[in-house]
Protein backbone atom coordinates (compact mmCIF):
# COMPACT_ATOMS: atom_id res chain seq x y z
CA MET A 1 30.76 43.18 154.69
CA THR A 2 32.29 44.06 158.35
CA VAL A 3 35.73 45.30 158.44
CA ARG A 4 39.00 45.76 161.54
CA PHE A 5 41.80 47.79 160.66
CA VAL A 6 45.36 47.81 162.65
CA THR A 7 47.49 50.84 162.24
CA LEU A 8 51.14 50.33 163.06
CA GLY A 9 53.35 53.44 163.29
CA CYS A 10 52.82 56.93 162.54
CA LYS A 11 49.87 59.82 162.46
CA VAL A 12 50.49 59.68 158.46
CA ASN A 13 49.15 56.19 158.75
CA GLN A 14 47.14 57.14 161.09
CA TYR A 15 45.42 59.29 159.00
CA GLU A 16 45.46 57.46 155.36
CA THR A 17 43.88 54.46 157.49
CA GLU A 18 40.90 56.53 158.60
CA VAL A 19 40.95 57.46 154.47
CA MET A 20 40.64 53.59 153.81
CA TRP A 21 38.22 52.96 156.40
CA GLU A 22 35.53 55.79 154.51
CA GLN A 23 36.55 54.55 150.89
CA LEU A 24 35.30 51.05 152.46
CA GLU A 25 32.03 52.51 154.02
CA GLY A 26 31.41 54.29 150.34
CA ALA A 27 31.61 50.77 149.34
CA GLY A 28 28.96 49.48 151.31
CA PHE A 29 31.26 47.91 153.92
CA SER A 30 30.38 48.53 157.78
CA GLN A 31 32.41 48.82 161.03
CA ALA A 32 33.07 46.02 162.44
CA LYS A 33 31.07 46.39 166.14
CA GLU A 34 33.15 45.04 169.52
CA GLY A 35 33.41 42.12 170.54
CA GLU A 36 32.04 40.55 167.15
CA ALA A 37 34.30 38.85 164.73
CA ALA A 38 34.91 40.95 161.44
CA ASP A 39 34.49 39.79 157.41
CA VAL A 40 37.80 41.66 156.77
CA VAL A 41 41.23 42.74 158.65
CA VAL A 42 42.93 45.58 157.53
CA VAL A 43 46.97 46.03 159.26
CA ASN A 44 48.08 49.05 158.19
CA SER A 45 51.75 48.22 158.58
CA CYS A 46 55.39 50.50 159.54
CA THR A 47 58.50 49.51 158.33
CA VAL A 48 60.80 52.04 159.58
CA THR A 49 62.73 48.78 161.54
CA ALA A 50 62.72 45.85 161.30
CA GLN A 51 61.02 45.14 164.17
CA SER A 52 58.10 47.21 162.68
CA ASP A 53 57.75 44.40 159.84
CA GLN A 54 57.56 41.61 162.78
CA LYS A 55 54.86 43.51 164.35
CA ALA A 56 52.68 43.32 161.66
CA ARG A 57 53.03 39.70 161.04
CA GLN A 58 52.14 39.29 164.20
CA ALA A 59 49.35 42.27 164.56
CA MET A 60 48.09 40.23 160.82
CA ARG A 61 48.08 36.67 162.64
CA ARG A 62 46.33 37.65 166.08
CA ALA A 63 44.10 39.67 164.29
CA LYS A 64 43.06 36.78 161.85
CA LYS A 65 43.22 34.23 165.39
CA ASP A 66 40.26 36.82 166.70
CA ASN A 67 38.51 37.06 163.89
CA PRO A 68 37.95 33.44 162.30
CA GLY A 69 37.55 32.85 158.63
CA ALA A 70 38.57 36.48 157.69
CA ILE A 71 40.03 38.35 154.43
CA GLY A 72 43.23 39.74 156.05
CA VAL A 73 44.61 42.45 153.95
CA LEU A 74 48.28 43.50 154.44
CA THR A 75 48.93 46.93 153.25
CA GLY A 76 51.37 50.47 154.30
CA CYS A 77 54.80 50.62 154.13
CA TRP A 78 56.47 47.10 154.51
CA PRO A 79 54.89 45.82 151.28
CA GLN A 80 55.75 48.84 149.96
CA ALA A 81 59.48 49.09 150.69
CA PHE A 82 59.40 45.01 150.42
CA PRO A 83 57.16 43.97 147.94
CA GLU A 84 58.54 40.40 147.59
CA GLU A 85 59.22 39.79 151.69
CA ALA A 86 55.36 40.75 152.09
CA GLY A 87 53.78 38.90 149.37
CA ALA A 88 55.12 35.89 150.48
CA PHE A 89 53.78 36.34 154.14
CA GLY A 90 50.43 33.76 153.50
CA ASP A 91 48.79 34.82 156.90
CA ALA A 92 47.89 37.61 154.49
CA ASP A 93 45.34 36.66 151.34
CA VAL A 94 45.58 40.62 149.89
CA VAL A 95 49.07 42.62 150.07
CA LEU A 96 48.79 45.77 148.49
CA GLY A 97 51.23 48.92 149.21
CA THR A 98 51.34 52.80 149.64
CA VAL A 99 51.03 53.33 146.40
CA ASN A 100 46.84 51.60 145.67
CA ARG A 101 45.76 51.77 148.50
CA GLY A 102 42.61 52.96 146.93
CA MET A 103 42.10 49.54 145.22
CA LEU A 104 41.24 48.12 148.43
CA ALA A 105 37.78 47.33 148.40
CA GLU A 106 37.84 46.11 144.72
CA LYS A 107 40.83 43.69 146.04
CA ILE A 108 39.09 42.58 148.97
CA TRP A 109 35.57 41.37 146.44
CA GLU A 110 38.60 39.95 143.64
CA TYR A 111 39.71 37.56 146.79
CA LYS A 112 36.71 37.05 147.97
CA ALA A 113 35.16 35.83 144.05
CA ALA A 114 38.20 33.94 142.64
CA GLY A 115 39.53 32.94 146.24
CA GLN A 116 43.23 32.90 145.73
CA ARG A 117 46.19 35.34 147.04
CA VAL A 118 46.07 38.96 145.82
CA VAL A 119 49.36 40.26 145.65
CA ALA A 120 49.57 44.11 143.68
CA VAL A 121 52.00 46.60 144.74
CA LEU A 122 53.00 49.08 142.66
CA PRO A 123 55.95 51.01 142.17
CA HIS A 124 56.74 54.69 142.86
CA GLU A 125 57.14 56.80 139.62
CA ALA A 126 59.03 59.82 139.60
CA GLY A 127 56.78 62.71 139.02
CA GLU A 128 53.87 60.72 140.97
CA PRO A 129 51.29 63.13 142.19
CA PHE A 130 49.92 63.67 145.29
CA GLU A 131 47.48 60.79 146.31
CA PRO A 132 44.36 62.63 146.60
CA MET A 133 42.35 61.94 149.50
CA GLN A 134 40.62 63.43 152.22
CA ALA A 135 39.07 62.31 155.96
CA LYS A 136 36.43 63.22 157.84
CA GLY A 137 38.61 63.05 161.09
CA LEU A 138 39.24 60.58 163.59
CA ARG A 139 36.22 59.23 165.13
CA GLY A 140 36.33 59.94 168.83
CA ARG A 141 38.40 62.87 168.70
CA THR A 142 38.96 66.50 168.38
CA ARG A 143 41.71 66.71 167.14
CA ALA A 144 42.03 66.09 163.38
CA PHE A 145 45.15 65.16 161.52
CA LEU A 146 45.46 66.20 157.54
CA LYS A 147 47.92 64.70 155.38
CA ILE A 148 50.23 67.58 153.05
CA GLU A 149 52.77 65.83 152.22
CA ASP A 150 54.01 62.32 150.85
CA GLY A 151 57.65 61.21 149.90
CA CYS A 152 60.76 62.11 151.36
CA ASN A 153 64.05 63.21 149.43
CA ARG A 154 66.74 62.93 152.40
CA PHE A 155 68.17 59.42 152.86
CA CYS A 156 69.50 59.39 155.78
CA SER A 157 71.96 56.76 156.43
CA TYR A 158 69.60 53.98 158.44
CA CYS A 159 66.35 54.70 156.48
CA ILE A 160 64.09 53.00 154.63
CA ILE A 161 60.96 55.32 154.26
CA PRO A 162 62.13 57.23 150.58
CA TYR A 163 62.11 53.53 149.15
CA ALA A 164 58.89 53.58 151.10
CA ARG A 165 56.75 57.09 150.37
CA GLY A 166 58.46 57.78 147.16
CA ARG A 167 59.44 61.14 146.22
CA VAL A 168 58.07 64.43 147.58
CA ARG A 169 54.77 65.62 146.64
CA SER A 170 52.22 68.40 147.86
CA LYS A 171 48.68 68.61 148.82
CA PRO A 172 47.50 71.34 146.83
CA LEU A 173 46.21 74.41 149.05
CA GLY A 174 42.91 74.49 147.54
CA ASP A 175 42.12 70.54 148.40
CA MET A 176 43.94 71.59 151.79
CA VAL A 177 41.42 74.44 152.81
CA ALA A 178 38.31 72.50 151.25
CA GLU A 179 40.02 69.61 153.63
CA ALA A 180 39.92 71.41 156.77
CA ARG A 181 36.17 73.49 155.87
CA ALA A 182 35.14 69.70 156.15
CA LEU A 183 36.31 69.19 159.31
CA ALA A 184 35.72 72.49 160.69
CA GLY A 185 32.41 71.57 159.83
CA ASN A 186 31.75 68.02 161.55
CA GLY A 187 32.97 69.54 164.77
CA TYR A 188 37.92 69.40 164.85
CA LYS A 189 38.65 72.68 166.53
CA GLU A 190 42.32 70.87 166.02
CA ILE A 191 43.68 70.47 163.32
CA VAL A 192 47.51 68.40 162.75
CA LEU A 193 49.22 69.52 159.41
CA THR A 194 51.54 65.64 158.99
CA GLY A 195 53.87 64.33 156.63
CA ILE A 196 56.14 61.65 155.97
CA ASN A 197 58.86 65.26 156.00
CA LEU A 198 56.98 67.89 156.55
CA PRO A 199 59.44 70.88 155.80
CA ALA A 200 59.36 69.55 152.61
CA TYR A 201 56.04 70.55 151.77
CA GLY A 202 55.53 72.76 148.36
CA GLN A 203 59.15 72.73 147.02
CA ASP A 204 57.39 70.56 144.10
CA MET A 205 54.99 73.51 143.61
CA GLY A 206 56.68 76.71 143.75
CA LEU A 207 55.09 76.28 147.42
CA ASP A 208 56.43 76.06 151.37
CA LEU A 209 55.29 74.83 154.49
CA CYS A 210 54.49 78.45 155.88
CA ASP A 211 51.99 78.97 153.06
CA ALA A 212 50.17 75.68 153.72
CA VAL A 213 49.97 76.42 158.17
CA GLU A 214 48.66 80.43 156.68
CA ALA A 215 45.91 78.69 154.37
CA VAL A 216 44.87 75.87 157.62
CA CYS A 217 45.41 78.90 160.18
CA GLY A 218 42.30 80.95 158.28
CA VAL A 219 39.62 78.41 157.95
CA GLU A 220 36.70 79.32 159.93
CA GLY A 221 35.90 77.38 162.64
CA ILE A 222 39.52 75.68 163.59
CA CYS A 223 40.90 77.03 166.83
CA ARG A 224 44.36 75.22 166.14
CA VAL A 225 46.76 74.02 163.84
CA ARG A 226 49.30 71.92 164.91
CA LEU A 227 52.82 70.80 162.95
CA GLY A 228 54.00 67.15 163.26
CA SER A 229 57.40 66.09 163.19
CA LEU A 230 59.35 68.75 161.45
CA GLU A 231 63.17 68.85 159.93
CA PRO A 232 65.38 71.24 161.54
CA GLU A 233 67.51 72.67 158.20
CA LYS A 234 64.21 74.33 156.84
CA LEU A 235 63.74 76.44 159.47
CA THR A 236 64.20 80.10 158.12
CA GLU A 237 64.37 83.38 161.06
CA GLU A 238 61.80 84.41 157.77
CA THR A 239 60.13 81.07 157.87
CA LEU A 240 59.93 81.98 161.93
CA LYS A 241 58.85 84.95 161.64
CA ARG A 242 55.79 83.78 159.50
CA PHE A 243 54.65 81.30 161.45
CA ALA A 244 54.79 83.27 164.56
CA ALA A 245 52.15 85.56 162.84
CA GLN A 246 49.88 82.35 163.11
CA GLY A 247 48.00 83.05 166.37
CA LYS A 248 46.04 79.28 166.20
CA LEU A 249 49.66 77.48 165.43
CA CYS A 250 50.11 76.21 168.39
CA PRO A 251 53.75 76.88 170.55
CA GLN A 252 55.31 73.12 170.08
CA PHE A 253 57.97 71.97 168.22
CA HIS A 254 58.65 68.24 166.63
CA LEU A 255 62.43 69.17 166.04
CA SER A 256 64.06 65.92 165.25
CA LEU A 257 67.21 65.83 166.32
CA GLN A 258 68.45 61.91 166.31
CA SER A 259 72.30 63.04 167.73
CA GLY A 260 73.69 65.82 169.14
CA CYS A 261 76.81 64.30 168.08
CA GLY A 262 78.27 65.79 164.86
CA ALA A 263 80.21 63.25 163.67
CA THR A 264 76.88 61.20 164.59
CA LEU A 265 74.97 62.87 162.48
CA ARG A 266 76.99 63.23 159.52
CA ARG A 267 77.31 59.55 159.39
CA MET A 268 73.30 59.90 159.54
CA ASN A 269 73.80 61.97 156.67
CA ARG A 270 71.68 64.13 158.39
CA HIS A 271 71.68 67.90 156.59
CA TYR A 272 72.63 70.14 159.68
CA THR A 273 75.11 70.85 162.90
CA PRO A 274 73.80 70.22 166.40
CA GLU A 275 75.39 74.08 166.90
CA GLU A 276 72.50 75.03 164.19
CA TYR A 277 70.24 72.68 165.69
CA ARG A 278 70.59 74.65 169.17
CA GLY A 279 70.00 77.81 166.95
CA ILE A 280 66.90 76.86 165.57
CA VAL A 281 65.86 76.32 169.12
CA GLU A 282 66.63 79.32 169.88
CA GLY A 283 65.47 81.03 167.16
CA LEU A 284 62.01 79.22 167.61
CA ARG A 285 62.29 79.96 171.80
CA ARG A 286 62.31 84.14 170.82
CA TRP A 287 59.52 84.22 168.28
CA PHE A 288 57.52 81.69 170.57
CA PRO A 289 58.32 82.32 174.24
CA GLY A 290 57.52 79.72 176.33
CA CYS A 291 57.10 76.85 173.73
CA ALA A 292 57.38 73.45 173.80
CA ILE A 293 60.45 71.70 171.61
CA THR A 294 60.16 67.99 171.87
CA THR A 295 62.32 65.88 170.20
CA ASP A 296 63.91 62.26 168.84
CA VAL A 297 66.86 60.91 170.09
CA MET A 298 68.83 57.84 169.24
CA VAL A 299 71.36 55.88 171.06
CA GLY A 300 73.33 53.40 169.51
CA PHE A 301 73.83 54.21 165.88
CA ALA A 302 76.70 52.82 163.88
CA GLY A 303 79.70 53.74 164.65
CA GLU A 304 78.76 55.69 167.96
CA THR A 305 81.78 55.54 170.80
CA GLU A 306 81.08 56.68 174.34
CA GLU A 307 82.45 59.54 174.21
CA GLU A 308 79.92 60.54 171.21
CA PHE A 309 77.53 59.61 173.10
CA ARG A 310 78.45 61.38 175.98
CA GLU A 311 78.67 64.58 173.39
CA SER A 312 74.99 63.71 172.61
CA LEU A 313 73.89 63.56 175.94
CA ASP A 314 75.56 66.62 177.42
CA PHE A 315 73.96 68.50 174.03
CA VAL A 316 70.18 66.74 175.06
CA LYS A 317 70.74 67.87 178.22
CA GLY A 318 71.29 71.94 177.38
CA ILE A 319 68.33 71.97 175.27
CA GLY A 320 66.61 71.06 177.52
CA PHE A 321 63.80 69.25 175.48
CA ALA A 322 60.09 69.20 176.68
CA LYS A 323 60.06 66.08 175.87
CA VAL A 324 62.23 63.39 174.16
CA HIS A 325 61.53 60.03 172.00
CA VAL A 326 64.78 57.79 172.94
CA PHE A 327 64.86 54.84 171.30
CA ALA A 328 67.64 52.38 170.02
CA TYR A 329 69.27 51.91 166.85
CA SER A 330 67.91 49.29 165.01
CA ARG A 331 69.60 48.01 161.93
CA ARG A 332 67.42 47.88 159.17
CA PRO A 333 68.48 45.73 155.80
CA GLY A 334 68.41 48.04 152.43
CA THR A 335 70.02 50.79 154.29
CA LYS A 336 73.65 52.46 153.71
CA ALA A 337 73.68 52.41 158.12
CA TYR A 338 73.09 48.12 157.74
CA ASP A 339 76.80 47.12 156.57
CA ALA A 340 78.21 50.15 158.25
CA PRO A 341 81.40 49.11 160.57
CA GLY A 342 81.15 49.80 164.48
CA GLN A 343 78.28 48.06 165.16
CA VAL A 344 77.17 49.25 168.69
CA SER A 345 76.35 45.71 170.72
CA HIS A 346 72.69 45.19 172.71
CA ALA A 347 73.89 45.82 176.15
CA VAL A 348 75.49 49.21 175.54
CA LYS A 349 72.72 50.02 173.25
CA GLU A 350 70.48 48.97 176.86
CA ALA A 351 72.41 50.79 178.89
CA ARG A 352 72.64 54.40 177.31
CA SER A 353 68.93 54.10 176.50
CA ARG A 354 68.28 54.16 180.05
CA GLU A 355 70.95 57.14 180.63
CA MET A 356 69.14 58.78 178.02
CA ILE A 357 65.74 58.25 179.56
CA ALA A 358 66.53 59.21 182.86
CA CYS A 359 68.24 62.37 181.29
CA THR A 360 64.65 63.31 179.47
CA GLU A 361 62.77 62.42 181.99
CA ALA A 362 64.09 65.19 184.37
CA CYS A 363 64.12 68.03 180.89
CA GLN A 364 60.18 67.61 180.81
CA ARG A 365 59.44 67.68 184.64
CA ALA A 366 61.26 70.44 185.02
CA TYR A 367 58.94 71.55 181.52
CA TYR A 368 56.05 70.64 183.18
CA GLN A 369 57.08 72.31 186.77
CA GLY A 370 57.34 75.63 184.88
CA GLN A 371 53.80 75.57 183.95
CA VAL A 372 52.59 75.32 187.44
CA GLY A 373 50.76 78.34 188.47
CA GLN A 374 49.72 79.10 184.36
CA VAL A 375 46.42 80.14 182.77
CA TYR A 376 46.51 77.79 179.38
CA PRO A 377 43.84 77.19 176.96
CA VAL A 378 42.99 73.75 176.97
CA LEU A 379 41.11 71.71 174.26
CA PHE A 380 39.63 68.45 176.30
CA GLU A 381 39.72 65.38 174.26
CA ARG A 382 38.26 62.65 177.04
CA GLU A 383 36.32 62.05 180.30
CA VAL A 384 38.90 59.53 182.36
CA GLU A 385 36.96 59.25 184.94
CA LYS A 386 33.95 59.76 186.41
CA ASN A 387 34.36 64.06 185.98
CA VAL A 388 37.62 63.86 185.51
CA TYR A 389 38.38 65.10 182.24
CA GLU A 390 41.94 65.07 180.37
CA GLY A 391 42.42 68.02 177.19
CA TYR A 392 46.23 69.63 176.21
CA THR A 393 47.43 72.72 176.14
CA PRO A 394 48.81 75.13 172.85
CA GLN A 395 52.54 73.45 174.25
CA TYR A 396 50.95 69.23 174.36
CA THR A 397 51.01 69.49 178.33
CA PRO A 398 48.16 66.93 179.10
CA VAL A 399 46.29 68.07 181.51
CA ARG A 400 43.30 66.50 183.68
CA ALA A 401 40.93 69.03 185.52
CA ALA A 402 37.62 67.75 187.73
CA TRP A 403 34.29 69.56 186.69
CA GLY A 404 30.66 68.16 187.01
CA LYS A 405 29.23 68.81 183.20
CA PRO A 406 30.72 67.56 180.11
CA LEU A 407 33.87 69.47 178.53
CA GLN A 408 34.77 67.03 175.82
CA GLY A 409 35.48 69.07 172.95
CA GLN A 410 35.66 72.40 174.55
CA VAL A 411 38.41 74.47 174.92
CA ARG A 412 38.70 76.56 178.47
CA PRO A 413 41.40 78.31 179.90
CA VAL A 414 42.80 75.80 182.70
CA LYS A 415 45.43 76.73 185.36
CA LEU A 416 48.14 74.43 186.15
CA THR A 417 48.45 73.12 189.70
CA GLY A 418 50.27 70.45 190.41
CA LEU A 419 52.02 67.61 188.14
CA LEU A 420 50.95 64.16 187.46
CA GLY A 421 52.87 61.55 185.72
CA ASP A 422 53.12 62.76 182.18
CA GLY A 423 51.55 65.48 182.74
CA CYS A 424 49.95 68.17 185.00
CA THR A 425 46.92 68.87 186.49
CA GLY A 426 44.13 72.02 186.91
CA GLU A 427 41.35 73.79 187.98
CA LEU A 428 39.01 75.96 185.81
CA ALA A 429 40.05 79.40 185.61
CA ASN A 430 36.86 81.35 185.24
CA PRO A 431 34.77 78.00 186.21
CA GLU A 432 31.12 80.13 185.09
CA GLU A 433 32.17 80.82 181.71
CA LYS A 434 30.91 79.12 178.87
CA GLU A 435 33.15 77.82 176.06
CA ARG A 436 35.41 80.59 174.61
CA GLU A 437 38.20 80.15 172.16
CA VAL A 438 41.22 81.62 173.55
CA PHE A 439 44.58 81.12 172.72
């Protein structure tokens, strides 16, 4: 049987899709060819917002329309958080959650044999272990994701994810190193450590994120290690010191903010103040000069006044982020904030989003402009047009450079020469040099 995946949501979902595909491949399934209808379509869903659930519905309907007669499988966070709602979605023939995705092949064959819908969403349990999983990497990429943590204990007032993912649990160091070595053996040069709440890594086994970073940085053949999204309050001075001792660790940190207003952060049940956040940014810039600080900012959260929005906007301007993902608050059934007073109108959210985006785009241009004229090692990923290749600096600045020979998968020193949309142009600094690992 042939299969096609549709992945919605975060890097963790992308990693888990690869794991599920490799499981199906081991069970005798094959990947559907481009332009051909698949026998099975799998939608790996996100449930961060109510709109995410709607996107999963639309994705399933579109996939089944494009693949007539296909078995439709819905899995991921939506059915895990809302099993009754997802189970009632009739366009899905098989419904699984995040707990038992390892049963994917079994449940597909069960449906095919009986012809009756299969809904099998198991609940998370206290003390459950980290799900054993290993991916060979993302096909067509030079960067591989490595999931090292699952679950979240934070319960931010707007977030459903603890219900979809359960409590914090961590990948054992030995398993992590074995997977990193396998990825290096498959030709990957950069590994992105991912998790639902990455800084919580190890708290269930007496370790911390530094232990994971040091372990993966020690793997021969891996040139770069990059961190996924980080909650700020665990980034102590000692943590930053240990990070800085690892020459392979990329100086790009996605430090989740959500709001630059203290009152809003308290209503969100975030565990830091704007002042504490600023101190962590200063620490990162002290230990990693020139590093990129990226973030997420929410506008229009329940109760956000115009004054609070201005406070958040001024804070964001003052930090000078390299890149910001701005999004409007979306009410999520099942969360504390859903029924909170002071819900902000759609029109106000849109206006605040536009203003915040304009501010953050100016900060991004300023950050990129500050890199022009400098030489950085660029890991090239793809050819975007004939003899023009795109890759990323350690700071995750997108760079395009022209060269008459293939550059995919190579790390080359590049001088940044100018701005180009969401990134920079560049030219090889030592064009006659062979590829070398430079940091």
